[in-house]
Amino acid sequence: MSEMCEVIERYKAEGIAEGMAKGMAERSAEVAIELLKEKLSIEMIARATKLTVEQVKEIGKKNALI
């Protein structure tokens, strides 16, 4: 039974980690949108949000900001 509990705990931890990563990515996108609205450079936004330049461009295009 102990092995089963370990498996459950491992999957639980993985789920929490995935959820946190998704939340952080969504927040980075929200910040990028606000910075694009303020007309900051794509390179500066990428550095500030830890997104790639390509990701910032995609977010900008998706939200009609570039």
PDB file of N, CA and C in Angstrom:
ATOM      1  N   MET A   1       0.822  -1.200   0.000  1.00  0.00           N
ATOM      2  CA  MET A   1       0.000   0.000   0.000  1.00  0.00           C
ATOM      3  C   MET A   1       0.865   1.263   0.000  1.00  0.00           C
ATOM      4  N   SER A   2       1.995   1.202   0.640  1.00  0.00           N
ATOM      5  CA  SER A   2       2.900   2.338   0.718  1.00  0.00           C
ATOM      6  C   SER A   2       3.383   2.758  -0.667  1.00  0.00           C
ATOM      7  N   GLU A   3       3.657   1.789  -1.522  1.00  0.00           N
ATOM      8  CA  GLU A   3       4.105   2.099  -2.883  1.00  0.00           C
ATOM      9  C   GLU A   3       3.023   2.857  -3.640  1.00  0.00           C
ATOM     10  N   MET A   4       1.783   2.470  -3.449  1.00  0.00           N
ATOM     11  CA  MET A   4       0.668   3.154  -4.109  1.00  0.00           C
ATOM     12  C   MET A   4       0.567   4.602  -3.628  1.00  0.00           C
ATOM     13  N   CYS A   5       0.762   4.825  -2.348  1.00  0.00           N
ATOM     14  CA  CYS A   5       0.730   6.192  -1.816  1.00  0.00           C
ATOM     15  C   CYS A   5       1.856   7.033  -2.407  1.00  0.00           C
ATOM     16  N   GLU A   6       3.024   6.436  -2.583  1.00  0.00           N
ATOM     17  CA  GLU A   6       4.156   7.151  -3.174  1.00  0.00           C
ATOM     18  C   GLU A   6       3.844   7.555  -4.610  1.00  0.00           C
ATOM     19  N   VAL A   7       3.215   6.675  -5.354  1.00  0.00           N
ATOM     20  CA  VAL A   7       2.846   6.971  -6.740  1.00  0.00           C
ATOM     21  C   VAL A   7       1.837   8.114  -6.776  1.00  0.00           C
ATOM     22  N   ILE A   8       0.858   8.042  -5.909  1.00  0.00           N
ATOM     23  CA  ILE A   8      -0.167   9.102  -5.852  1.00  0.00           C
ATOM     24  C   ILE A   8       0.486  10.430  -5.511  1.00  0.00           C
ATOM     25  N   GLU A   9       1.370  10.451  -4.531  1.00  0.00           N
ATOM     26  CA  GLU A   9       2.045  11.688  -4.131  1.00  0.00           C
ATOM     27  C   GLU A   9       2.901  12.240  -5.265  1.00  0.00           C
ATOM     28  N   ARG A  10       3.566  11.348  -6.005  1.00  0.00           N
ATOM     29  CA  ARG A  10       4.396  11.793  -7.122  1.00  0.00           C
ATOM     30  C   ARG A  10       3.537  12.454  -8.196  1.00  0.00           C
ATOM     31  N   TYR A  11       2.420  11.814  -8.537  1.00  0.00           N
ATOM     32  CA  TYR A  11       1.529  12.396  -9.547  1.00  0.00           C
ATOM     33  C   TYR A  11       0.928  13.707  -9.057  1.00  0.00           C
ATOM     34  N   LYS A  12       0.621  13.776  -7.803  1.00  0.00           N
ATOM     35  CA  LYS A  12       0.083  15.006  -7.222  1.00  0.00           C
ATOM     36  C   LYS A  12       1.113  16.138  -7.345  1.00  0.00           C
ATOM     37  N   ALA A  13       2.355  15.840  -6.997  1.00  0.00           N
ATOM     38  CA  ALA A  13       3.419  16.836  -7.091  1.00  0.00           C
ATOM     39  C   ALA A  13       3.634  17.278  -8.536  1.00  0.00           C
ATOM     40  N   GLU A  14       3.581  16.331  -9.464  1.00  0.00           N
ATOM     41  CA  GLU A  14       3.738  16.671 -10.882  1.00  0.00           C
ATOM     42  C   GLU A  14       2.595  17.562 -11.347  1.00  0.00           C
ATOM     43  N   GLY A  15       1.392  17.271 -10.905  1.00  0.00           N
ATOM     44  CA  GLY A  15       0.236  18.088 -11.279  1.00  0.00           C
ATOM     45  C   GLY A  15       0.350  19.498 -10.748  1.00  0.00           C
ATOM     46  N   ILE A  16       0.798  19.625  -9.522  1.00  0.00           N
ATOM     47  CA  ILE A  16       0.979  20.953  -8.924  1.00  0.00           C
ATOM     48  C   ILE A  16       2.042  21.731  -9.693  1.00  0.00           C
ATOM     49  N   ALA A  17       3.145  21.074 -10.015  1.00  0.00           N
ATOM     50  CA  ALA A  17       4.226  21.737 -10.755  1.00  0.00           C
ATOM     51  C   ALA A  17       3.746  22.197 -12.127  1.00  0.00           C
ATOM     52  N   GLU A  18       2.976  21.354 -12.810  1.00  0.00           N
ATOM     53  CA  GLU A  18       2.443  21.727 -14.121  1.00  0.00           C
ATOM     54  C   GLU A  18       1.500  22.919 -14.007  1.00  0.00           C
ATOM     55  N   GLY A  19       0.661  22.910 -12.998  1.00  0.00           N
ATOM     56  CA  GLY A  19      -0.271  24.019 -12.797  1.00  0.00           C
ATOM     57  C   GLY A  19       0.451  25.323 -12.510  1.00  0.00           C
ATOM     58  N   MET A  20       1.480  25.242 -11.704  1.00  0.00           N
ATOM     59  CA  MET A  20       2.252  26.448 -11.390  1.00  0.00           C
ATOM     60  C   MET A  20       2.955  26.975 -12.636  1.00  0.00           C
ATOM     61  N   ALA A  21       3.527  26.087 -13.431  1.00  0.00           N
ATOM     62  CA  ALA A  21       4.215  26.512 -14.648  1.00  0.00           C
ATOM     63  C   ALA A  21       3.238  27.170 -15.615  1.00  0.00           C
ATOM     64  N   LYS A  22       2.052  26.606 -15.734  1.00  0.00           N
ATOM     65  CA  LYS A  22       1.041  27.174 -16.633  1.00  0.00           C
ATOM     66  C   LYS A  22       0.621  28.556 -16.135  1.00  0.00           C
ATOM     67  N   GLY A  23       0.425  28.681 -14.838  1.00  0.00           N
ATOM     68  CA  GLY A  23       0.045  29.974 -14.272  1.00  0.00           C
ATOM     69  C   GLY A  23       1.111  31.030 -14.482  1.00  0.00           C
ATOM     70  N   MET A  24       2.366  30.645 -14.326  1.00  0.00           N
ATOM     71  CA  MET A  24       3.453  31.588 -14.533  1.00  0.00           C
ATOM     72  C   MET A  24       3.541  32.007 -15.997  1.00  0.00           C
ATOM     73  N   ALA A  25       3.330  31.081 -16.900  1.00  0.00           N
ATOM     74  CA  ALA A  25       3.365  31.399 -18.328  1.00  0.00           C
ATOM     75  C   ALA A  25       2.237  32.349 -18.699  1.00  0.00           C
ATOM     76  N   GLU A  26       1.059  32.110 -18.138  1.00  0.00           N
ATOM     77  CA  GLU A  26      -0.082  32.997 -18.405  1.00  0.00           C
ATOM     78  C   GLU A  26       0.194  34.399 -17.869  1.00  0.00           C
ATOM     79  N   ARG A  27       0.805  34.483 -16.691  1.00  0.00           N
ATOM     80  CA  ARG A  27       1.116  35.791 -16.114  1.00  0.00           C
ATOM     81  C   ARG A  27       2.159  36.515 -16.960  1.00  0.00           C
ATOM     82  N   SER A  28       3.154  35.791 -17.461  1.00  0.00           N
ATOM     83  CA  SER A  28       4.158  36.408 -18.326  1.00  0.00           C
ATOM     84  C   SER A  28       3.511  36.971 -19.585  1.00  0.00           C
ATOM     85  N   ALA A  29       2.554  36.256 -20.137  1.00  0.00           N
ATOM     86  CA  ALA A  29       1.845  36.735 -21.330  1.00  0.00           C
ATOM     87  C   ALA A  29       1.044  37.988 -21.000  1.00  0.00           C
ATOM     88  N   GLU A  30       0.398  38.013 -19.843  1.00  0.00           N
ATOM     89  CA  GLU A  30      -0.369  39.198 -19.443  1.00  0.00           C
ATOM     90  C   GLU A  30       0.544  40.414 -19.295  1.00  0.00           C
ATOM     91  N   VAL A  31       1.694  40.206 -18.682  1.00  0.00           N
ATOM     92  CA  VAL A  31       2.654  41.303 -18.515  1.00  0.00           C
ATOM     93  C   VAL A  31       3.157  41.761 -19.880  1.00  0.00           C
ATOM     94  N   ALA A  32       3.445  40.830 -20.768  1.00  0.00           N
ATOM     95  CA  ALA A  32       3.917  41.186 -22.108  1.00  0.00           C
ATOM     96  C   ALA A  32       2.881  42.042 -22.825  1.00  0.00           C
ATOM     97  N   ILE A  33       1.625  41.706 -22.694  1.00  0.00           N
ATOM     98  CA  ILE A  33       0.558  42.493 -23.333  1.00  0.00           C
ATOM     99  C   ILE A  33       0.571  43.923 -22.809  1.00  0.00           C
ATOM    100  N   GLU A  34       0.670  44.065 -21.506  1.00  0.00           N
ATOM    101  CA  GLU A  34       0.680  45.412 -20.922  1.00  0.00           C
ATOM    102  C   GLU A  34       1.908  46.206 -21.371  1.00  0.00           C
ATOM    103  N   LEU A  35       3.049  45.555 -21.451  1.00  0.00           N
ATOM    104  CA  LEU A  35       4.260  46.244 -21.887  1.00  0.00           C
ATOM    105  C   LEU A  35       4.210  46.584 -23.373  1.00  0.00           C
ATOM    106  N   LEU A  36       3.593  45.736 -24.172  1.00  0.00           N
ATOM    107  CA  LEU A  36       3.403  46.068 -25.591  1.00  0.00           C
ATOM    108  C   LEU A  36       2.498  47.283 -25.732  1.00  0.00           C
ATOM    109  N   LYS A  37       1.481  47.360 -24.901  1.00  0.00           N
ATOM    110  CA  LYS A  37       0.592  48.535 -24.929  1.00  0.00           C
ATOM    111  C   LYS A  37       1.352  49.808 -24.588  1.00  0.00           C
ATOM    112  N   GLU A  38       2.387  49.671 -23.748  1.00  0.00           N
ATOM    113  CA  GLU A  38       3.202  50.822 -23.359  1.00  0.00           C
ATOM    114  C   GLU A  38       4.312  51.117 -24.376  1.00  0.00           C
ATOM    115  N   LYS A  39       4.330  50.342 -25.463  1.00  0.00           N
ATOM    116  CA  LYS A  39       5.262  50.532 -26.576  1.00  0.00           C
ATOM    117  C   LYS A  39       6.713  50.223 -26.226  1.00  0.00           C
ATOM    118  N   LEU A  40       6.960  49.330 -25.259  1.00  0.00           N
ATOM    119  CA  LEU A  40       8.323  48.898 -24.990  1.00  0.00           C
ATOM    120  C   LEU A  40       8.794  48.012 -26.130  1.00  0.00           C
ATOM    121  N   SER A  41      10.097  47.927 -26.304  1.00  0.00           N
ATOM    122  CA  SER A  41      10.624  47.106 -27.395  1.00  0.00           C
ATOM    123  C   SER A  41      10.367  45.627 -27.107  1.00  0.00           C
ATOM    124  N   ILE A  42      10.235  44.873 -28.181  1.00  0.00           N
ATOM    125  CA  ILE A  42       9.998  43.437 -28.059  1.00  0.00           C
ATOM    126  C   ILE A  42      11.158  42.773 -27.324  1.00  0.00           C
ATOM    127  N   GLU A  43      12.373  43.193 -27.603  1.00  0.00           N
ATOM    128  CA  GLU A  43      13.546  42.613 -26.950  1.00  0.00           C
ATOM    129  C   GLU A  43      13.519  42.888 -25.450  1.00  0.00           C
ATOM    130  N   MET A  44      13.158  44.101 -25.053  1.00  0.00           N
ATOM    131  CA  MET A  44      13.094  44.446 -23.643  1.00  0.00           C
ATOM    132  C   MET A  44      11.996  43.647 -22.932  1.00  0.00           C
ATOM    133  N   ILE A  45      10.872  43.482 -23.598  1.00  0.00           N
ATOM    134  CA  ILE A  45       9.769  42.699 -23.027  1.00  0.00           C
ATOM    135  C   ILE A  45      10.201  41.249 -22.854  1.00  0.00           C
ATOM    136  N   ALA A  46      10.895  40.713 -23.837  1.00  0.00           N
ATOM    137  CA  ALA A  46      11.373  39.333 -23.751  1.00  0.00           C
ATOM    138  C   ALA A  46      12.309  39.167 -22.559  1.00  0.00           C
ATOM    139  N   ARG A  47      13.215  40.104 -22.367  1.00  0.00           N
ATOM    140  CA  ARG A  47      14.130  40.017 -21.226  1.00  0.00           C
ATOM    141  C   ARG A  47      13.377  40.119 -19.904  1.00  0.00           C
ATOM    142  N   ALA A  48      12.422  41.027 -19.825  1.00  0.00           N
ATOM    143  CA  ALA A  48      11.694  41.260 -18.572  1.00  0.00           C
ATOM    144  C   ALA A  48      10.779  40.101 -18.195  1.00  0.00           C
ATOM    145  N   THR A  49      10.217  39.444 -19.188  1.00  0.00           N
ATOM    146  CA  THR A  49       9.239  38.383 -18.920  1.00  0.00           C
ATOM    147  C   THR A  49       9.816  36.981 -19.016  1.00  0.00           C
ATOM    148  N   LYS A  50      11.064  36.874 -19.476  1.00  0.00           N
ATOM    149  CA  LYS A  50      11.710  35.575 -19.711  1.00  0.00           C
ATOM    150  C   LYS A  50      11.039  34.792 -20.836  1.00  0.00           C
ATOM    151  N   LEU A  51      10.299  35.494 -21.697  1.00  0.00           N
ATOM    152  CA  LEU A  51       9.734  34.897 -22.897  1.00  0.00           C
ATOM    153  C   LEU A  51      10.746  35.079 -24.022  1.00  0.00           C
ATOM    154  N   THR A  52      10.597  34.313 -25.084  1.00  0.00           N
ATOM    155  CA  THR A  52      11.454  34.520 -26.245  1.00  0.00           C
ATOM    156  C   THR A  52      10.903  35.686 -27.064  1.00  0.00           C
ATOM    157  N   VAL A  53      11.741  36.234 -27.910  1.00  0.00           N
ATOM    158  CA  VAL A  53      11.298  37.305 -28.808  1.00  0.00           C
ATOM    159  C   VAL A  53      10.140  36.795 -29.664  1.00  0.00           C
ATOM    160  N   GLU A  54      10.252  35.553 -30.128  1.00  0.00           N
ATOM    161  CA  GLU A  54       9.193  34.971 -30.960  1.00  0.00           C
ATOM    162  C   GLU A  54       7.877  34.868 -30.190  1.00  0.00           C
ATOM    163  N   GLN A  55       7.950  34.484 -28.915  1.00  0.00           N
ATOM    164  CA  GLN A  55       6.736  34.392 -28.106  1.00  0.00           C
ATOM    165  C   GLN A  55       6.094  35.759 -27.920  1.00  0.00           C
ATOM    166  N   VAL A  56       6.910  36.782 -27.680  1.00  0.00           N
ATOM    167  CA  VAL A  56       6.382  38.139 -27.507  1.00  0.00           C
ATOM    168  C   VAL A  56       5.725  38.602 -28.801  1.00  0.00           C
ATOM    169  N   LYS A  57       6.367  38.342 -29.928  1.00  0.00           N
ATOM    170  CA  LYS A  57       5.775  38.721 -31.222  1.00  0.00           C
ATOM    171  C   LYS A  57       4.440  38.015 -31.436  1.00  0.00           C
ATOM    172  N   GLU A  58       4.387  36.732 -31.111  1.00  0.00           N
ATOM    173  CA  GLU A  58       3.150  35.968 -31.272  1.00  0.00           C
ATOM    174  C   GLU A  58       2.036  36.540 -30.388  1.00  0.00           C
ATOM    175  N   ILE A  59       2.371  36.863 -29.157  1.00  0.00           N
ATOM    176  CA  ILE A  59       1.390  37.454 -28.236  1.00  0.00           C
ATOM    177  C   ILE A  59       0.921  38.800 -28.777  1.00  0.00           C
ATOM    178  N   GLY A  60       1.863  39.582 -29.274  1.00  0.00           N
ATOM    179  CA  GLY A  60       1.515  40.898 -29.832  1.00  0.00           C
ATOM    180  C   GLY A  60       0.603  40.791 -31.027  1.00  0.00           C
ATOM    181  N   LYS A  61       0.879  39.865 -31.920  1.00  0.00           N
ATOM    182  CA  LYS A  61       0.042  39.676 -33.103  1.00  0.00           C
ATOM    183  C   LYS A  61      -1.339  39.146 -32.716  1.00  0.00           C
ATOM    184  N   LYS A  62      -1.351  38.203 -31.793  1.00  0.00           N
ATOM    185  CA  LYS A  62      -2.611  37.607 -31.352  1.00  0.00           C
ATOM    186  C   LYS A  62      -3.546  38.646 -30.730  1.00  0.00           C
ATOM    187  N   ASN A  63      -2.954  39.660 -30.112  1.00  0.00           N
ATOM    188  CA  ASN A  63      -3.731  40.700 -29.450  1.00  0.00           C
ATOM    189  C   ASN A  63      -3.758  42.011 -30.231  1.00  0.00           C
ATOM    190  N   ALA A  64      -3.383  41.942 -31.501  1.00  0.00           N
ATOM    191  CA  ALA A  64      -3.396  43.092 -32.414  1.00  0.00           C
ATOM    192  C   ALA A  64      -2.628  44.280 -31.843  1.00  0.00           C
ATOM    193  N   LEU A  65      -1.458  43.989 -31.265  1.00  0.00           N
ATOM    194  CA  LEU A  65      -0.648  45.062 -30.703  1.00  0.00           C
ATOM    195  C   LEU A  65       0.610  45.340 -31.521  1.00  0.00           C
ATOM    196  N   ILE A  66       0.891  44.444 -32.479  1.00  0.00           N
ATOM    197  CA  ILE A  66       2.012  44.694 -33.403  1.00  0.00           C
ATOM    198  C   ILE A  66       1.597  44.250 -34.787  1.00  0.00           C
TER     199      ILE A  66
END
